[in-house]
């Protein structure tokens, strides 16, 4: 058995929170995920789900497919603009990224 502090020290967990802070912390993480780029998050989830059973060749093909889909969204220019202007991006998941413009 490994307690929470030891699990954190070993790098087995990302966060350790006391029980009374857990609900607020989880709500904050959920809000961050919900504000993220929906297409990219969906592609990441699919890659993780497919990755366990994929060969290296299949995994590389899946990654290439995901990247071409991600870069075809409006979220890529929104992310670059937010980075450049040091503002929060507004992701829509809409289509029409740089190569479709």
PDB file of N, CA and C in Angstrom:
ATOM      1  N   UNK A   1       0.847  -1.183   0.000  1.00  0.00           N
ATOM      2  CA  UNK A   1       0.000   0.000   0.000  1.00  0.00           C
ATOM      3  C   UNK A   1       0.893   1.247   0.000  1.00  0.00           C
ATOM      4  N   UNK A   2       0.466   2.234  -0.753  1.00  0.00           N
ATOM      5  CA  UNK A   2       1.192   3.500  -0.854  1.00  0.00           C
ATOM      6  C   UNK A   2       0.223   4.612  -0.490  1.00  0.00           C
ATOM      7  N   UNK A   3       0.610   5.485   0.457  1.00  0.00           N
ATOM      8  CA  UNK A   3      -0.280   6.590   0.791  1.00  0.00           C
ATOM      9  C   UNK A   3      -0.157   7.700  -0.263  1.00  0.00           C
ATOM     10  N   UNK A   4      -1.016   8.711  -0.162  1.00  0.00           N
ATOM     11  CA  UNK A   4      -1.095   9.764  -1.175  1.00  0.00           C
ATOM     12  C   UNK A   4       0.222  10.521  -1.324  1.00  0.00           C
ATOM     13  N   UNK A   5       0.849  10.862  -0.226  1.00  0.00           N
ATOM     14  CA  UNK A   5       2.095  11.615  -0.290  1.00  0.00           C
ATOM     15  C   UNK A   5       3.205  10.815  -0.963  1.00  0.00           C
ATOM     16  N   UNK A   6       3.266   9.518  -0.658  1.00  0.00           N
ATOM     17  CA  UNK A   6       4.270   8.657  -1.283  1.00  0.00           C
ATOM     18  C   UNK A   6       3.973   8.493  -2.770  1.00  0.00           C
ATOM     19  N   UNK A   7       2.702   8.355  -3.121  1.00  0.00           N
ATOM     20  CA  UNK A   7       2.315   8.244  -4.533  1.00  0.00           C
ATOM     21  C   UNK A   7       2.736   9.506  -5.292  1.00  0.00           C
ATOM     22  N   UNK A   8       2.578  10.675  -4.673  1.00  0.00           N
ATOM     23  CA  UNK A   8       2.997  11.928  -5.311  1.00  0.00           C
ATOM     24  C   UNK A   8       4.515  11.970  -5.455  1.00  0.00           C
ATOM     25  N   UNK A   9       5.223  11.558  -4.414  1.00  0.00           N
ATOM     26  CA  UNK A   9       6.678  11.561  -4.459  1.00  0.00           C
ATOM     27  C   UNK A   9       7.202  10.635  -5.563  1.00  0.00           C
ATOM     28  N   UNK A  10       6.518   9.525  -5.781  1.00  0.00           N
ATOM     29  CA  UNK A  10       6.923   8.560  -6.799  1.00  0.00           C
ATOM     30  C   UNK A  10       6.461   8.936  -8.201  1.00  0.00           C
ATOM     31  N   UNK A  11       5.651   9.999  -8.290  1.00  0.00           N
ATOM     32  CA  UNK A  11       5.145  10.413  -9.588  1.00  0.00           C
ATOM     33  C   UNK A  11       3.981   9.575 -10.091  1.00  0.00           C
ATOM     34  N   UNK A  12       3.319   8.870  -9.194  1.00  0.00           N
ATOM     35  CA  UNK A  12       2.183   8.028  -9.581  1.00  0.00           C
ATOM     36  C   UNK A  12       0.889   8.819  -9.706  1.00  0.00           C
ATOM     37  N   UNK A  13       0.825   9.981  -9.083  1.00  0.00           N
ATOM     38  CA  UNK A  13      -0.356  10.838  -9.154  1.00  0.00           C
ATOM     39  C   UNK A  13       0.097  12.254  -9.497  1.00  0.00           C
ATOM     40  N   UNK A  14      -0.823  13.016 -10.041  1.00  0.00           N
ATOM     41  CA  UNK A  14      -0.517  14.395 -10.416  1.00  0.00           C
ATOM     42  C   UNK A  14      -0.805  15.352  -9.272  1.00  0.00           C
ATOM     43  N   UNK A  15      -1.916  15.132  -8.565  1.00  0.00           N
ATOM     44  CA  UNK A  15      -2.311  16.018  -7.479  1.00  0.00           C
ATOM     45  C   UNK A  15      -2.710  15.208  -6.256  1.00  0.00           C
ATOM     46  N   UNK A  16      -2.496  15.805  -5.106  1.00  0.00           N
ATOM     47  CA  UNK A  16      -2.998  15.263  -3.846  1.00  0.00           C
ATOM     48  C   UNK A  16      -3.705  16.415  -3.147  1.00  0.00           C
ATOM     49  N   UNK A  17      -4.980  16.219  -2.849  1.00  0.00           N
ATOM     50  CA  UNK A  17      -5.795  17.257  -2.211  1.00  0.00           C
ATOM     51  C   UNK A  17      -6.484  16.682  -0.991  1.00  0.00           C
ATOM     52  N   UNK A  18      -6.674  17.508   0.034  1.00  0.00           N
ATOM     53  CA  UNK A  18      -7.446  17.043   1.188  1.00  0.00           C
ATOM     54  C   UNK A  18      -8.922  16.878   0.796  1.00  0.00           C
ATOM     55  N   UNK A  19      -9.624  15.999   1.471  1.00  0.00           N
ATOM     56  CA  UNK A  19     -11.021  15.712   1.104  1.00  0.00           C
ATOM     57  C   UNK A  19     -11.910  16.955   1.006  1.00  0.00           C
ATOM     58  N   UNK A  20     -11.712  17.909   1.900  1.00  0.00           N
ATOM     59  CA  UNK A  20     -12.584  19.094   1.896  1.00  0.00           C
ATOM     60  C   UNK A  20     -12.345  20.006   0.685  1.00  0.00           C
ATOM     61  N   UNK A  21     -11.222  19.857  -0.005  1.00  0.00           N
ATOM     62  CA  UNK A  21     -10.931  20.665  -1.194  1.00  0.00           C
ATOM     63  C   UNK A  21     -11.229  19.929  -2.500  1.00  0.00           C
ATOM     64  N   UNK A  22     -11.551  18.660  -2.403  1.00  0.00           N
ATOM     65  CA  UNK A  22     -11.649  17.818  -3.587  1.00  0.00           C
ATOM     66  C   UNK A  22     -12.745  18.253  -4.562  1.00  0.00           C
ATOM     67  N   UNK A  23     -13.953  18.528  -4.079  1.00  0.00           N
ATOM     68  CA  UNK A  23     -15.049  18.904  -4.978  1.00  0.00           C
ATOM     69  C   UNK A  23     -14.728  20.176  -5.753  1.00  0.00           C
ATOM     70  N   UNK A  24     -14.217  21.187  -5.079  1.00  0.00           N
ATOM     71  CA  UNK A  24     -13.881  22.446  -5.756  1.00  0.00           C
ATOM     72  C   UNK A  24     -12.743  22.243  -6.746  1.00  0.00           C
ATOM     73  N   UNK A  25     -11.766  21.426  -6.377  1.00  0.00           N
ATOM     74  CA  UNK A  25     -10.642  21.175  -7.269  1.00  0.00           C
ATOM     75  C   UNK A  25     -11.101  20.453  -8.535  1.00  0.00           C
ATOM     76  N   UNK A  26     -11.915  19.426  -8.375  1.00  0.00           N
ATOM     77  CA  UNK A  26     -12.419  18.677  -9.526  1.00  0.00           C
ATOM     78  C   UNK A  26     -13.274  19.578 -10.412  1.00  0.00           C
ATOM     79  N   UNK A  27     -14.082  20.434  -9.827  1.00  0.00           N
ATOM     80  CA  UNK A  27     -14.893  21.372 -10.611  1.00  0.00           C
ATOM     81  C   UNK A  27     -13.998  22.310 -11.417  1.00  0.00           C
ATOM     82  N   UNK A  28     -12.899  22.748 -10.828  1.00  0.00           N
ATOM     83  CA  UNK A  28     -11.962  23.611 -11.546  1.00  0.00           C
ATOM     84  C   UNK A  28     -11.292  22.907 -12.716  1.00  0.00           C
ATOM     85  N   UNK A  29     -10.867  21.669 -12.506  1.00  0.00           N
ATOM     86  CA  UNK A  29     -10.251  20.898 -13.589  1.00  0.00           C
ATOM     87  C   UNK A  29     -11.277  20.651 -14.700  1.00  0.00           C
ATOM     88  N   UNK A  30     -12.510  20.317 -14.318  1.00  0.00           N
ATOM     89  CA  UNK A  30     -13.563  20.089 -15.311  1.00  0.00           C
ATOM     90  C   UNK A  30     -13.838  21.358 -16.113  1.00  0.00           C
ATOM     91  N   UNK A  31     -13.828  22.504 -15.462  1.00  0.00           N
ATOM     92  CA  UNK A  31     -14.054  23.778 -16.165  1.00  0.00           C
ATOM     93  C   UNK A  31     -12.919  24.059 -17.145  1.00  0.00           C
ATOM     94  N   UNK A  32     -11.693  23.761 -16.748  1.00  0.00           N
ATOM     95  CA  UNK A  32     -10.554  23.952 -17.657  1.00  0.00           C
ATOM     96  C   UNK A  32     -10.688  23.056 -18.878  1.00  0.00           C
ATOM     97  N   UNK A  33     -11.059  21.804 -18.671  1.00  0.00           N
ATOM     98  CA  UNK A  33     -11.234  20.887 -19.796  1.00  0.00           C
ATOM     99  C   UNK A  33     -12.379  21.339 -20.698  1.00  0.00           C
ATOM    100  N   UNK A  34     -13.484  21.784 -20.097  1.00  0.00           N
ATOM    101  CA  UNK A  34     -14.637  22.219 -20.882  1.00  0.00           C
ATOM    102  C   UNK A  34     -14.320  23.456 -21.716  1.00  0.00           C
ATOM    103  N   UNK A  35     -13.384  24.275 -21.265  1.00  0.00           N
ATOM    104  CA  UNK A  35     -13.006  25.488 -21.997  1.00  0.00           C
ATOM    105  C   UNK A  35     -11.966  25.207 -23.074  1.00  0.00           C
ATOM    106  N   UNK A  36     -11.467  23.984 -23.127  1.00  0.00           N
ATOM    107  CA  UNK A  36     -10.419  23.631 -24.086  1.00  0.00           C
ATOM    108  C   UNK A  36     -10.963  23.423 -25.488  1.00  0.00           C
ATOM    109  N   UNK A  37     -10.059  23.165 -26.427  1.00  0.00           N
ATOM    110  CA  UNK A  37     -10.467  22.954 -27.819  1.00  0.00           C
ATOM    111  C   UNK A  37     -11.176  21.609 -27.977  1.00  0.00           C
ATOM    112  N   UNK A  38     -12.469  21.610 -28.292  1.00  0.00           N
ATOM    113  CA  UNK A  38     -13.234  20.369 -28.273  1.00  0.00           C
ATOM    114  C   UNK A  38     -12.763  19.325 -29.284  1.00  0.00           C
ATOM    115  N   UNK A  39     -12.393  19.741 -30.477  1.00  0.00           N
ATOM    116  CA  UNK A  39     -11.959  18.769 -31.486  1.00  0.00           C
ATOM    117  C   UNK A  39     -10.644  18.129 -31.060  1.00  0.00           C
ATOM    118  N   UNK A  40      -9.704  18.937 -30.603  1.00  0.00           N
ATOM    119  CA  UNK A  40      -8.411  18.402 -30.171  1.00  0.00           C
ATOM    120  C   UNK A  40      -8.570  17.471 -28.976  1.00  0.00           C
ATOM    121  N   UNK A  41      -9.434  17.818 -28.043  1.00  0.00           N
ATOM    122  CA  UNK A  41      -9.661  16.942 -26.895  1.00  0.00           C
ATOM    123  C   UNK A  41     -10.305  15.628 -27.327  1.00  0.00           C
ATOM    124  N   UNK A  42     -11.237  15.690 -28.269  1.00  0.00           N
ATOM    125  CA  UNK A  42     -11.860  14.459 -28.774  1.00  0.00           C
ATOM    126  C   UNK A  42     -10.832  13.590 -29.493  1.00  0.00           C
ATOM    127  N   UNK A  43      -9.951  14.225 -30.264  1.00  0.00           N
ATOM    128  CA  UNK A  43      -8.910  13.466 -30.960  1.00  0.00           C
ATOM    129  C   UNK A  43      -7.952  12.825 -29.959  1.00  0.00           C
ATOM    130  N   UNK A  44      -7.594  13.552 -28.919  1.00  0.00           N
ATOM    131  CA  UNK A  44      -6.697  13.013 -27.898  1.00  0.00           C
ATOM    132  C   UNK A  44      -7.325  11.813 -27.211  1.00  0.00           C
ATOM    133  N   UNK A  45      -8.608  11.935 -26.870  1.00  0.00           N
ATOM    134  CA  UNK A  45      -9.300  10.819 -26.232  1.00  0.00           C
ATOM    135  C   UNK A  45      -9.322   9.605 -27.157  1.00  0.00           C
ATOM    136  N   UNK A  46      -9.612   9.826 -28.438  1.00  0.00           N
ATOM    137  CA  UNK A  46      -9.643   8.714 -29.393  1.00  0.00           C
ATOM    138  C   UNK A  46      -8.265   8.071 -29.517  1.00  0.00           C
ATOM    139  N   UNK A  47      -7.216   8.881 -29.577  1.00  0.00           N
ATOM    140  CA  UNK A  47      -5.863   8.327 -29.675  1.00  0.00           C
ATOM    141  C   UNK A  47      -5.516   7.480 -28.455  1.00  0.00           C
ATOM    142  N   UNK A  48      -5.907   7.948 -27.278  1.00  0.00           N
ATOM    143  CA  UNK A  48      -5.646   7.180 -26.062  1.00  0.00           C
ATOM    144  C   UNK A  48      -6.426   5.869 -26.073  1.00  0.00           C
ATOM    145  N   UNK A  49      -7.683   5.921 -26.502  1.00  0.00           N
ATOM    146  CA  UNK A  49      -8.499   4.706 -26.544  1.00  0.00           C
ATOM    147  C   UNK A  49      -7.972   3.712 -27.573  1.00  0.00           C
ATOM    148  N   UNK A  50      -7.519   4.205 -28.726  1.00  0.00           N
ATOM    149  CA  UNK A  50      -7.034   3.337 -29.794  1.00  0.00           C
ATOM    150  C   UNK A  50      -5.605   2.853 -29.544  1.00  0.00           C
ATOM    151  N   UNK A  51      -4.855   3.606 -28.754  1.00  0.00           N
ATOM    152  CA  UNK A  51      -3.436   3.345 -28.604  1.00  0.00           C
ATOM    153  C   UNK A  51      -3.068   2.030 -27.962  1.00  0.00           C
ATOM    154  N   UNK A  52      -3.896   1.550 -27.084  1.00  0.00           N
ATOM    155  CA  UNK A  52      -3.556   0.324 -26.359  1.00  0.00           C
ATOM    156  C   UNK A  52      -3.476  -0.890 -27.283  1.00  0.00           C
ATOM    157  N   UNK A  53      -4.261  -0.877 -28.342  1.00  0.00           N
ATOM    158  CA  UNK A  53      -4.307  -2.035 -29.239  1.00  0.00           C
ATOM    159  C   UNK A  53      -3.629  -1.787 -30.580  1.00  0.00           C
ATOM    160  N   UNK A  54      -3.063  -0.610 -30.785  1.00  0.00           N
ATOM    161  CA  UNK A  54      -2.509  -0.248 -32.091  1.00  0.00           C
ATOM    162  C   UNK A  54      -1.044  -0.662 -32.210  1.00  0.00           C
ATOM    163  N   UNK A  55      -0.662  -1.024 -33.415  1.00  0.00           N
ATOM    164  CA  UNK A  55       0.753  -1.230 -33.703  1.00  0.00           C
ATOM    165  C   UNK A  55       1.401   0.152 -33.835  1.00  0.00           C
ATOM    166  N   UNK A  56       2.719   0.181 -33.908  1.00  0.00           N
ATOM    167  CA  UNK A  56       3.397   1.469 -34.074  1.00  0.00           C
ATOM    168  C   UNK A  56       2.940   2.145 -35.360  1.00  0.00           C
ATOM    169  N   UNK A  57       2.860   1.397 -36.430  1.00  0.00           N
ATOM    170  CA  UNK A  57       2.419   1.962 -37.720  1.00  0.00           C
ATOM    171  C   UNK A  57       1.008   2.541 -37.607  1.00  0.00           C
ATOM    172  N   UNK A  58       0.099   1.798 -36.976  1.00  0.00           N
ATOM    173  CA  UNK A  58      -1.272   2.283 -36.809  1.00  0.00           C
ATOM    174  C   UNK A  58      -1.320   3.525 -35.930  1.00  0.00           C
ATOM    175  N   UNK A  59      -0.520   3.517 -34.857  1.00  0.00           N
ATOM    176  CA  UNK A  59      -0.490   4.671 -33.967  1.00  0.00           C
ATOM    177  C   UNK A  59       0.010   5.916 -34.692  1.00  0.00           C
ATOM    178  N   UNK A  60       1.035   5.765 -35.520  1.00  0.00           N
ATOM    179  CA  UNK A  60       1.553   6.911 -36.282  1.00  0.00           C
ATOM    180  C   UNK A  60       0.531   7.394 -37.309  1.00  0.00           C
ATOM    181  N   UNK A  61      -0.160   6.468 -37.957  1.00  0.00           N
ATOM    182  CA  UNK A  61      -1.212   6.857 -38.898  1.00  0.00           C
ATOM    183  C   UNK A  61      -2.352   7.571 -38.181  1.00  0.00           C
ATOM    184  N   UNK A  62      -2.739   7.079 -37.020  1.00  0.00           N
ATOM    185  CA  UNK A  62      -3.800   7.721 -36.234  1.00  0.00           C
ATOM    186  C   UNK A  62      -3.383   9.123 -35.809  1.00  0.00           C
ATOM    187  N   UNK A  63      -2.133   9.269 -35.392  1.00  0.00           N
ATOM    188  CA  UNK A  63      -1.629  10.586 -34.978  1.00  0.00           C
ATOM    189  C   UNK A  63      -1.631  11.557 -36.153  1.00  0.00           C
ATOM    190  N   UNK A  64      -1.196  11.101 -37.320  1.00  0.00           N
ATOM    191  CA  UNK A  64      -1.195  11.963 -38.508  1.00  0.00           C
ATOM    192  C   UNK A  64      -2.617  12.389 -38.856  1.00  0.00           C
ATOM    193  N   UNK A  65      -3.556  11.462 -38.774  1.00  0.00           N
ATOM    194  CA  UNK A  65      -4.959  11.786 -39.039  1.00  0.00           C
ATOM    195  C   UNK A  65      -5.471  12.821 -38.048  1.00  0.00           C
ATOM    196  N   UNK A  66      -5.174  12.614 -36.776  1.00  0.00           N
ATOM    197  CA  UNK A  66      -5.634  13.543 -35.738  1.00  0.00           C
ATOM    198  C   UNK A  66      -5.060  14.939 -35.958  1.00  0.00           C
ATOM    199  N   UNK A  67      -3.786  15.017 -36.313  1.00  0.00           N
ATOM    200  CA  UNK A  67      -3.176  16.325 -36.540  1.00  0.00           C
ATOM    201  C   UNK A  67      -3.811  17.041 -37.725  1.00  0.00           C
ATOM    202  N   UNK A  68      -4.095  16.312 -38.803  1.00  0.00           N
ATOM    203  CA  UNK A  68      -4.715  16.959 -39.959  1.00  0.00           C
ATOM    204  C   UNK A  68      -6.120  17.445 -39.610  1.00  0.00           C
ATOM    205  N   UNK A  69      -6.827  16.700 -38.780  1.00  0.00           N
ATOM    206  CA  UNK A  69      -8.159  17.143 -38.341  1.00  0.00           C
ATOM    207  C   UNK A  69      -8.028  18.359 -37.430  1.00  0.00           C
ATOM    208  N   UNK A  70      -7.122  18.300 -36.464  1.00  0.00           N
ATOM    209  CA  UNK A  70      -6.964  19.415 -35.532  1.00  0.00           C
ATOM    210  C   UNK A  70      -6.619  20.716 -36.248  1.00  0.00           C
ATOM    211  N   UNK A  71      -5.728  20.646 -37.227  1.00  0.00           N
ATOM    212  CA  UNK A  71      -5.300  21.863 -37.912  1.00  0.00           C
ATOM    213  C   UNK A  71      -6.330  22.374 -38.909  1.00  0.00           C
ATOM    214  N   UNK A  72      -7.420  21.637 -39.093  1.00  0.00           N
ATOM    215  CA  UNK A  72      -8.488  22.088 -39.978  1.00  0.00           C
ATOM    216  C   UNK A  72      -9.582  22.832 -39.217  1.00  0.00           C
ATOM    217  N   UNK A  73      -9.344  23.114 -37.940  1.00  0.00           N
ATOM    218  CA  UNK A  73     -10.353  23.805 -37.137  1.00  0.00           C
ATOM    219  C   UNK A  73      -9.997  25.269 -36.951  1.00  0.00           C
ATOM    220  N   UNK A  74     -10.981  26.040 -36.540  1.00  0.00           N
ATOM    221  CA  UNK A  74     -10.782  27.453 -36.213  1.00  0.00           C
ATOM    222  C   UNK A  74     -10.009  27.614 -34.909  1.00  0.00           C
ATOM    223  N   UNK A  75      -9.852  26.533 -34.169  1.00  0.00           N
ATOM    224  CA  UNK A  75      -9.198  26.616 -32.868  1.00  0.00           C
ATOM    225  C   UNK A  75      -7.701  26.873 -32.972  1.00  0.00           C
ATOM    226  N   UNK A  76      -7.079  26.440 -34.060  1.00  0.00           N
ATOM    227  CA  UNK A  76      -5.634  26.654 -34.216  1.00  0.00           C
ATOM    228  C   UNK A  76      -5.309  28.143 -34.321  1.00  0.00           C
ATOM    229  N   UNK A  77      -5.947  28.888 -35.241  1.00  0.00           N
ATOM    230  CA  UNK A  77      -5.660  30.326 -35.274  1.00  0.00           C
ATOM    231  C   UNK A  77      -6.052  31.018 -33.974  1.00  0.00           C
ATOM    232  N   UNK A  78      -7.123  30.555 -33.324  1.00  0.00           N
ATOM    233  CA  UNK A  78      -7.533  31.151 -32.045  1.00  0.00           C
ATOM    234  C   UNK A  78      -6.452  30.945 -30.992  1.00  0.00           C
ATOM    235  N   UNK A  79      -5.846  29.757 -30.970  1.00  0.00           N
ATOM    236  CA  UNK A  79      -4.783  29.475 -29.998  1.00  0.00           C
ATOM    237  C   UNK A  79      -3.544  30.318 -30.279  1.00  0.00           C
ATOM    238  N   UNK A  80      -3.157  30.411 -31.549  1.00  0.00           N
ATOM    239  CA  UNK A  80      -1.991  31.234 -31.891  1.00  0.00           C
ATOM    240  C   UNK A  80      -2.228  32.694 -31.544  1.00  0.00           C
ATOM    241  N   UNK A  81      -3.422  33.198 -31.849  1.00  0.00           N
ATOM    242  CA  UNK A  81      -3.729  34.597 -31.551  1.00  0.00           C
ATOM    243  C   UNK A  81      -3.731  34.845 -30.046  1.00  0.00           C
ATOM    244  N   UNK A  82      -4.303  33.923 -29.288  1.00  0.00           N
ATOM    245  CA  UNK A  82      -4.322  34.068 -27.828  1.00  0.00           C
ATOM    246  C   UNK A  82      -2.907  34.043 -27.263  1.00  0.00           C
ATOM    247  N   UNK A  83      -2.058  33.196 -27.810  1.00  0.00           N
ATOM    248  CA  UNK A  83      -0.667  33.142 -27.359  1.00  0.00           C
ATOM    249  C   UNK A  83       0.046  34.457 -27.672  1.00  0.00           C
ATOM    250  N   UNK A  84      -0.167  34.943 -28.889  1.00  0.00           N
ATOM    251  CA  UNK A  84       0.490  36.180 -29.316  1.00  0.00           C
ATOM    252  C   UNK A  84       0.039  37.364 -28.478  1.00  0.00           C
ATOM    253  N   UNK A  85      -1.251  37.447 -28.181  1.00  0.00           N
ATOM    254  CA  UNK A  85      -1.796  38.589 -27.445  1.00  0.00           C
ATOM    255  C   UNK A  85      -1.848  38.357 -25.944  1.00  0.00           C
ATOM    256  N   UNK A  86      -1.396  37.184 -25.520  1.00  0.00           N
ATOM    257  CA  UNK A  86      -1.406  36.817 -24.090  1.00  0.00           C
ATOM    258  C   UNK A  86      -2.809  36.947 -23.477  1.00  0.00           C
ATOM    259  N   UNK A  87      -3.779  36.396 -24.205  1.00  0.00           N
ATOM    260  CA  UNK A  87      -5.161  36.378 -23.732  1.00  0.00           C
ATOM    261  C   UNK A  87      -5.647  34.936 -23.679  1.00  0.00           C
ATOM    262  N   UNK A  88      -6.819  34.748 -23.129  1.00  0.00           N
ATOM    263  CA  UNK A  88      -7.415  33.411 -23.085  1.00  0.00           C
ATOM    264  C   UNK A  88      -8.053  33.115 -24.434  1.00  0.00           C
ATOM    265  N   UNK A  89      -7.802  31.939 -25.007  1.00  0.00           N
ATOM    266  CA  UNK A  89      -8.417  31.609 -26.290  1.00  0.00           C
ATOM    267  C   UNK A  89      -9.899  31.286 -26.126  1.00  0.00           C
ATOM    268  N   UNK A  90     -10.653  31.546 -27.181  1.00  0.00           N
ATOM    269  CA  UNK A  90     -12.074  31.167 -27.227  1.00  0.00           C
ATOM    270  C   UNK A  90     -12.207  30.080 -28.279  1.00  0.00           C
ATOM    271  N   UNK A  91     -12.259  28.843 -27.833  1.00  0.00           N
ATOM    272  CA  UNK A  91     -12.344  27.711 -28.751  1.00  0.00           C
ATOM    273  C   UNK A  91     -13.797  27.464 -29.142  1.00  0.00           C
ATOM    274  N   UNK A  92     -14.016  27.188 -30.425  1.00  0.00           N
ATOM    275  CA  UNK A  92     -15.367  26.930 -30.916  1.00  0.00           C
ATOM    276  C   UNK A  92     -15.532  25.518 -31.456  1.00  0.00           C
ATOM    277  N   UNK A  93     -14.435  24.903 -31.881  1.00  0.00           N
ATOM    278  CA  UNK A  93     -14.524  23.603 -32.525  1.00  0.00           C
ATOM    279  C   UNK A  93     -14.995  23.686 -33.959  1.00  0.00           C
ATOM    280  N   UNK A  94     -15.130  24.921 -34.458  1.00  0.00           N
ATOM    281  CA  UNK A  94     -15.591  25.113 -35.823  1.00  0.00           C
ATOM    282  C   UNK A  94     -14.530  24.745 -36.843  1.00  0.00           C
ATOM    283  N   UNK A  95     -14.970  24.466 -38.057  1.00  0.00           N
ATOM    284  CA  UNK A  95     -14.053  24.103 -39.136  1.00  0.00           C
ATOM    285  C   UNK A  95     -13.659  25.329 -39.906  1.00  0.00           C
ATOM    286  N   UNK A  96     -12.487  25.278 -40.507  1.00  0.00           N
ATOM    287  CA  UNK A  96     -12.045  26.375 -41.352  1.00  0.00           C
ATOM    288  C   UNK A  96     -10.717  26.944 -40.906  1.00  0.00           C
ATOM    289  N   UNK A  97      -9.830  26.091 -40.481  1.00  0.00           N
ATOM    290  CA  UNK A  97      -8.511  26.516 -40.042  1.00  0.00           C
ATOM    291  C   UNK A  97      -7.676  27.013 -41.199  1.00  0.00           C
ATOM    292  N   UNK A  98      -6.379  27.192 -40.987  1.00  0.00           N
ATOM    293  CA  UNK A  98      -5.494  27.836 -41.963  1.00  0.00           C
ATOM    294  C   UNK A  98      -5.499  27.201 -43.341  1.00  0.00           C
ATOM    295  N   UNK A  99      -5.475  25.868 -43.440  1.00  0.00           N
ATOM    296  CA  UNK A  99      -5.388  25.279 -44.763  1.00  0.00           C
ATOM    297  C   UNK A  99      -6.731  25.250 -45.486  1.00  0.00           C
ATOM    298  N   UNK A 100      -7.824  25.560 -44.789  1.00  0.00           N
ATOM    299  CA  UNK A 100      -9.127  25.608 -45.443  1.00  0.00           C
ATOM    300  C   UNK A 100      -9.520  27.039 -45.811  1.00  0.00           C
ATOM    301  N   UNK A 101      -8.764  27.992 -45.340  1.00  0.00           N
ATOM    302  CA  UNK A 101      -9.106  29.397 -45.582  1.00  0.00           C
ATOM    303  C   UNK A 101      -8.748  29.801 -46.997  1.00  0.00           C
TER     304      UNK A 101
END
